[in-house]
């Protein structure tokens, strides 16, 4: 019963915490549009600028959301480790652990790159964010669905 509670109710509670934190951030975190200039001409004036939404006082909400989601990733890794010896029909834990491992590695590499690039060029930042989303989604899908397809094609 404790494994069921840990496996079902804790991730459900994490989603509820995420929804509450995002709702509170939307309600109480002030949002304003900020123009950011880049590419200076010879007189020091900005020739290009872009606008970004800035959430003031949003760090407590974002830190809480990050802490909850990182703890859920580690909980998933622990559950995958516990379920590693199941039969082949139910043995997705190895692939889920591989997918989560790739997610951790990609996030570890992408966050510093985003910090370095974020203030300089919005096109590079957008490319990195889109690549990050694609790699995370593709790795999760491939790790979960390709072994199932291969297993059923062998039968």
C-alpha atoms as a PDB file:
ATOM      1  CA  UNK A   1       0.000   0.000   0.000  1.00  0.00           C
ATOM      2  CA  UNK A   2       2.838   2.414   0.755  1.00  0.00           C
ATOM      3  CA  UNK A   3       4.274   1.884  -2.743  1.00  0.00           C
ATOM      4  CA  UNK A   4       0.874   2.697  -4.224  1.00  0.00           C
ATOM      5  CA  UNK A   5       0.607   5.880  -2.179  1.00  0.00           C
ATOM      6  CA  UNK A   6       4.140   6.865  -3.134  1.00  0.00           C
ATOM      7  CA  UNK A   7       3.589   6.040  -6.806  1.00  0.00           C
ATOM      8  CA  UNK A   8       0.179   7.630  -7.296  1.00  0.00           C
ATOM      9  CA  UNK A   9      -0.688  10.260  -4.733  1.00  0.00           C
ATOM     10  CA  UNK A  10       2.712  11.943  -4.489  1.00  0.00           C
ATOM     11  CA  UNK A  11       2.960  12.765  -8.235  1.00  0.00           C
ATOM     12  CA  UNK A  12      -0.694  13.836  -8.169  1.00  0.00           C
ATOM     13  CA  UNK A  13       0.098  16.160  -5.268  1.00  0.00           C
ATOM     14  CA  UNK A  14       3.085  17.478  -7.210  1.00  0.00           C
ATOM     15  CA  UNK A  15       0.803  18.434 -10.102  1.00  0.00           C
ATOM     16  CA  UNK A  16      -1.540  20.159  -7.682  1.00  0.00           C
ATOM     17  CA  UNK A  17       1.391  22.093  -6.170  1.00  0.00           C
ATOM     18  CA  UNK A  18       2.535  23.110  -9.669  1.00  0.00           C
ATOM     19  CA  UNK A  19      -0.936  24.352 -10.580  1.00  0.00           C
ATOM     20  CA  UNK A  20      -1.275  26.255  -7.302  1.00  0.00           C
ATOM     21  CA  UNK A  21       2.165  27.845  -7.622  1.00  0.00           C
ATOM     22  CA  UNK A  22       1.587  28.876 -11.237  1.00  0.00           C
ATOM     23  CA  UNK A  23      -1.809  30.311 -10.304  1.00  0.00           C
ATOM     24  CA  UNK A  24      -0.323  32.254  -7.396  1.00  0.00           C
ATOM     25  CA  UNK A  25       2.499  33.522  -9.595  1.00  0.00           C
ATOM     26  CA  UNK A  26      -0.025  34.648 -12.196  1.00  0.00           C
ATOM     27  CA  UNK A  27      -2.158  36.394  -9.584  1.00  0.00           C
ATOM     28  CA  UNK A  28       0.477  37.998  -7.351  1.00  0.00           C
ATOM     29  CA  UNK A  29       3.608  38.164  -9.493  1.00  0.00           C
ATOM     30  CA  UNK A  30       3.725  41.415 -11.371  1.00  0.00           C
ATOM     31  CA  UNK A  31       4.309  41.009 -15.092  1.00  0.00           C
ATOM     32  CA  UNK A  32       5.547  43.741 -17.354  1.00  0.00           C
ATOM     33  CA  UNK A  33       6.949  44.001 -20.836  1.00  0.00           C
ATOM     34  CA  UNK A  34      10.590  44.979 -21.044  1.00  0.00           C
ATOM     35  CA  UNK A  35      12.470  45.949 -24.176  1.00  0.00           C
ATOM     36  CA  UNK A  36      15.975  44.592 -24.498  1.00  0.00           C
ATOM     37  CA  UNK A  37      18.328  46.072 -27.036  1.00  0.00           C
ATOM     38  CA  UNK A  38      21.219  44.332 -28.697  1.00  0.00           C
ATOM     39  CA  UNK A  39      23.528  44.950 -31.668  1.00  0.00           C
ATOM     40  CA  UNK A  40      24.910  48.447 -31.208  1.00  0.00           C
ATOM     41  CA  UNK A  41      25.815  50.754 -34.077  1.00  0.00           C
ATOM     42  CA  UNK A  42      28.966  52.906 -34.178  1.00  0.00           C
ATOM     43  CA  UNK A  43      27.292  55.570 -31.991  1.00  0.00           C
ATOM     44  CA  UNK A  44      26.316  53.157 -29.227  1.00  0.00           C
ATOM     45  CA  UNK A  45      22.620  53.031 -30.104  1.00  0.00           C
ATOM     46  CA  UNK A  46      20.696  49.799 -30.243  1.00  0.00           C
ATOM     47  CA  UNK A  47      19.813  48.794 -33.789  1.00  0.00           C
ATOM     48  CA  UNK A  48      17.781  45.755 -32.804  1.00  0.00           C
ATOM     49  CA  UNK A  49      15.583  45.123 -29.823  1.00  0.00           C
ATOM     50  CA  UNK A  50      13.117  42.568 -28.649  1.00  0.00           C
ATOM     51  CA  UNK A  51      10.499  42.465 -25.940  1.00  0.00           C
ATOM     52  CA  UNK A  52      10.270  39.987 -23.126  1.00  0.00           C
ATOM     53  CA  UNK A  53       7.831  39.367 -20.300  1.00  0.00           C
ATOM     54  CA  UNK A  54       9.432  39.893 -16.916  1.00  0.00           C
ATOM     55  CA  UNK A  55       7.867  38.406 -13.804  1.00  0.00           C
ATOM     56  CA  UNK A  56       8.888  40.466 -10.810  1.00  0.00           C
ATOM     57  CA  UNK A  57       9.045  38.677  -7.473  1.00  0.00           C
ATOM     58  CA  UNK A  58       8.562  35.274  -9.106  1.00  0.00           C
ATOM     59  CA  UNK A  59      11.620  33.512  -7.706  1.00  0.00           C
ATOM     60  CA  UNK A  60       9.880  31.908  -4.680  1.00  0.00           C
ATOM     61  CA  UNK A  61       7.248  30.411  -6.979  1.00  0.00           C
ATOM     62  CA  UNK A  62       9.790  29.196  -9.533  1.00  0.00           C
ATOM     63  CA  UNK A  63      12.090  27.721  -6.876  1.00  0.00           C
ATOM     64  CA  UNK A  64       9.161  25.837  -5.353  1.00  0.00           C
ATOM     65  CA  UNK A  65       8.085  24.486  -8.748  1.00  0.00           C
ATOM     66  CA  UNK A  66      11.671  23.496  -9.573  1.00  0.00           C
ATOM     67  CA  UNK A  67      12.152  21.750  -6.230  1.00  0.00           C
ATOM     68  CA  UNK A  68       8.903  19.799  -6.611  1.00  0.00           C
ATOM     69  CA  UNK A  69       9.680  18.733 -10.188  1.00  0.00           C
ATOM     70  CA  UNK A  70      13.288  17.737  -9.451  1.00  0.00           C
ATOM     71  CA  UNK A  71      12.109  15.681  -6.483  1.00  0.00           C
ATOM     72  CA  UNK A  72       9.573  13.954  -8.765  1.00  0.00           C
ATOM     73  CA  UNK A  73      12.353  13.063 -11.220  1.00  0.00           C
ATOM     74  CA  UNK A  74      14.364  11.501  -8.407  1.00  0.00           C
ATOM     75  CA  UNK A  75      11.265   9.691  -7.144  1.00  0.00           C
ATOM     76  CA  UNK A  76      10.741   8.292 -10.650  1.00  0.00           C
ATOM     77  CA  UNK A  77      14.356   7.117 -10.742  1.00  0.00           C
ATOM     78  CA  UNK A  78      13.914   5.390  -7.373  1.00  0.00           C
ATOM     79  CA  UNK A  79      10.704   3.701  -8.549  1.00  0.00           C
ATOM     80  CA  UNK A  80      12.422   2.627 -11.783  1.00  0.00           C
ATOM     81  CA  UNK A  81      15.247   1.095  -9.751  1.00  0.00           C
ATOM     82  CA  UNK A  82      12.784  -0.816  -7.566  1.00  0.00           C
ATOM     83  CA  UNK A  83      10.947  -2.200 -10.614  1.00  0.00           C
ATOM     84  CA  UNK A  84      14.052  -3.235 -12.551  1.00  0.00           C
ATOM     85  CA  UNK A  85      13.493  -7.000 -12.175  1.00  0.00           C
ATOM     86  CA  UNK A  86       9.974  -7.252 -13.591  1.00  0.00           C
ATOM     87  CA  UNK A  87       9.166  -9.482 -16.555  1.00  0.00           C
ATOM     88  CA  UNK A  88       9.611  -8.181 -20.091  1.00  0.00           C
ATOM     89  CA  UNK A  89       5.970  -7.219 -20.601  1.00  0.00           C
ATOM     90  CA  UNK A  90       6.088  -4.861 -17.633  1.00  0.00           C
ATOM     91  CA  UNK A  91       9.770  -3.925 -17.646  1.00  0.00           C
ATOM     92  CA  UNK A  92       9.627  -0.320 -18.728  1.00  0.00           C
ATOM     93  CA  UNK A  93      11.662   0.841 -15.766  1.00  0.00           C
ATOM     94  CA  UNK A  94      14.984   0.449 -17.568  1.00  0.00           C
ATOM     95  CA  UNK A  95      13.779   2.608 -20.437  1.00  0.00           C
ATOM     96  CA  UNK A  96      12.163   5.154 -18.136  1.00  0.00           C
ATOM     97  CA  UNK A  97      15.404   5.379 -16.170  1.00  0.00           C
ATOM     98  CA  UNK A  98      17.326   5.877 -19.420  1.00  0.00           C
ATOM     99  CA  UNK A  99      14.925   8.582 -20.514  1.00  0.00           C
ATOM    100  CA  UNK A 100      15.130  10.337 -17.153  1.00  0.00           C
ATOM    101  CA  UNK A 101      18.909  10.066 -17.251  1.00  0.00           C
ATOM    102  CA  UNK A 102      18.974  11.775 -20.636  1.00  0.00           C
ATOM    103  CA  UNK A 103      16.634  14.465 -19.294  1.00  0.00           C
ATOM    104  CA  UNK A 104      18.971  15.132 -16.371  1.00  0.00           C
ATOM    105  CA  UNK A 105      22.045  15.249 -18.625  1.00  0.00           C
ATOM    106  CA  UNK A 106      20.387  17.532 -21.183  1.00  0.00           C
ATOM    107  CA  UNK A 107      19.094  19.876 -18.478  1.00  0.00           C
ATOM    108  CA  UNK A 108      22.520  19.951 -16.829  1.00  0.00           C
ATOM    109  CA  UNK A 109      24.115  20.964 -20.116  1.00  0.00           C
ATOM    110  CA  UNK A 110      21.378  23.276 -21.383  1.00  0.00           C
ATOM    111  CA  UNK A 111      20.871  25.464 -18.316  1.00  0.00           C
ATOM    112  CA  UNK A 112      24.413  26.943 -18.326  1.00  0.00           C
ATOM    113  CA  UNK A 113      24.275  27.400 -22.095  1.00  0.00           C
ATOM    114  CA  UNK A 114      20.964  29.238 -21.762  1.00  0.00           C
ATOM    115  CA  UNK A 115      22.431  31.474 -19.053  1.00  0.00           C
ATOM    116  CA  UNK A 116      25.397  32.347 -21.275  1.00  0.00           C
ATOM    117  CA  UNK A 117      23.381  33.011 -24.425  1.00  0.00           C
ATOM    118  CA  UNK A 118      20.132  34.421 -22.988  1.00  0.00           C
ATOM    119  CA  UNK A 119      21.071  38.106 -22.845  1.00  0.00           C
ATOM    120  CA  UNK A 120      22.948  38.282 -26.121  1.00  0.00           C
ATOM    121  CA  UNK A 121      20.813  36.925 -28.922  1.00  0.00           C
ATOM    122  CA  UNK A 122      17.114  36.018 -28.793  1.00  0.00           C
ATOM    123  CA  UNK A 123      17.386  33.841 -31.914  1.00  0.00           C
ATOM    124  CA  UNK A 124      20.082  31.667 -30.347  1.00  0.00           C
ATOM    125  CA  UNK A 125      18.095  31.456 -27.116  1.00  0.00           C
ATOM    126  CA  UNK A 126      14.974  30.352 -28.982  1.00  0.00           C
ATOM    127  CA  UNK A 127      16.963  27.768 -30.953  1.00  0.00           C
ATOM    128  CA  UNK A 128      18.404  26.318 -27.741  1.00  0.00           C
ATOM    129  CA  UNK A 129      14.993  26.189 -26.051  1.00  0.00           C
ATOM    130  CA  UNK A 130      13.352  24.515 -29.065  1.00  0.00           C
ATOM    131  CA  UNK A 131      16.230  22.022 -29.342  1.00  0.00           C
ATOM    132  CA  UNK A 132      15.944  21.273 -25.640  1.00  0.00           C
ATOM    133  CA  UNK A 133      12.209  20.605 -25.895  1.00  0.00           C
ATOM    134  CA  UNK A 134      12.700  18.406 -28.971  1.00  0.00           C
ATOM    135  CA  UNK A 135      15.491  16.345 -27.386  1.00  0.00           C
ATOM    136  CA  UNK A 136      13.534  15.815 -24.175  1.00  0.00           C
ATOM    137  CA  UNK A 137      10.314  14.846 -25.967  1.00  0.00           C
ATOM    138  CA  UNK A 138      12.040  12.635 -28.548  1.00  0.00           C
ATOM    139  CA  UNK A 139      14.187  10.812 -26.005  1.00  0.00           C
ATOM    140  CA  UNK A 140      11.199  10.098 -23.795  1.00  0.00           C
ATOM    141  CA  UNK A 141       9.074   8.899 -26.708  1.00  0.00           C
ATOM    142  CA  UNK A 142      11.833   6.786 -28.223  1.00  0.00           C
ATOM    143  CA  UNK A 143      12.839   5.172 -24.940  1.00  0.00           C
ATOM    144  CA  UNK A 144       9.264   4.244 -24.095  1.00  0.00           C
ATOM    145  CA  UNK A 145       7.708   3.307 -27.443  1.00  0.00           C
ATOM    146  CA  UNK A 146      10.503   1.818 -29.583  1.00  0.00           C
ATOM    147  CA  UNK A 147      11.224  -1.103 -27.180  1.00  0.00           C
ATOM    148  CA  UNK A 148       7.499  -1.914 -27.048  1.00  0.00           C
ATOM    149  CA  UNK A 149       7.222  -1.924 -30.831  1.00  0.00           C
ATOM    150  CA  UNK A 150      10.343  -4.090 -31.137  1.00  0.00           C
ATOM    151  CA  UNK A 151       8.993  -6.515 -28.511  1.00  0.00           C
ATOM    152  CA  UNK A 152       5.638  -6.902 -30.270  1.00  0.00           C
ATOM    153  CA  UNK A 153       7.220  -7.222 -33.727  1.00  0.00           C
ATOM    154  CA  UNK A 154       9.374 -10.123 -32.493  1.00  0.00           C
ATOM    155  CA  UNK A 155       6.285 -12.081 -31.399  1.00  0.00           C
END
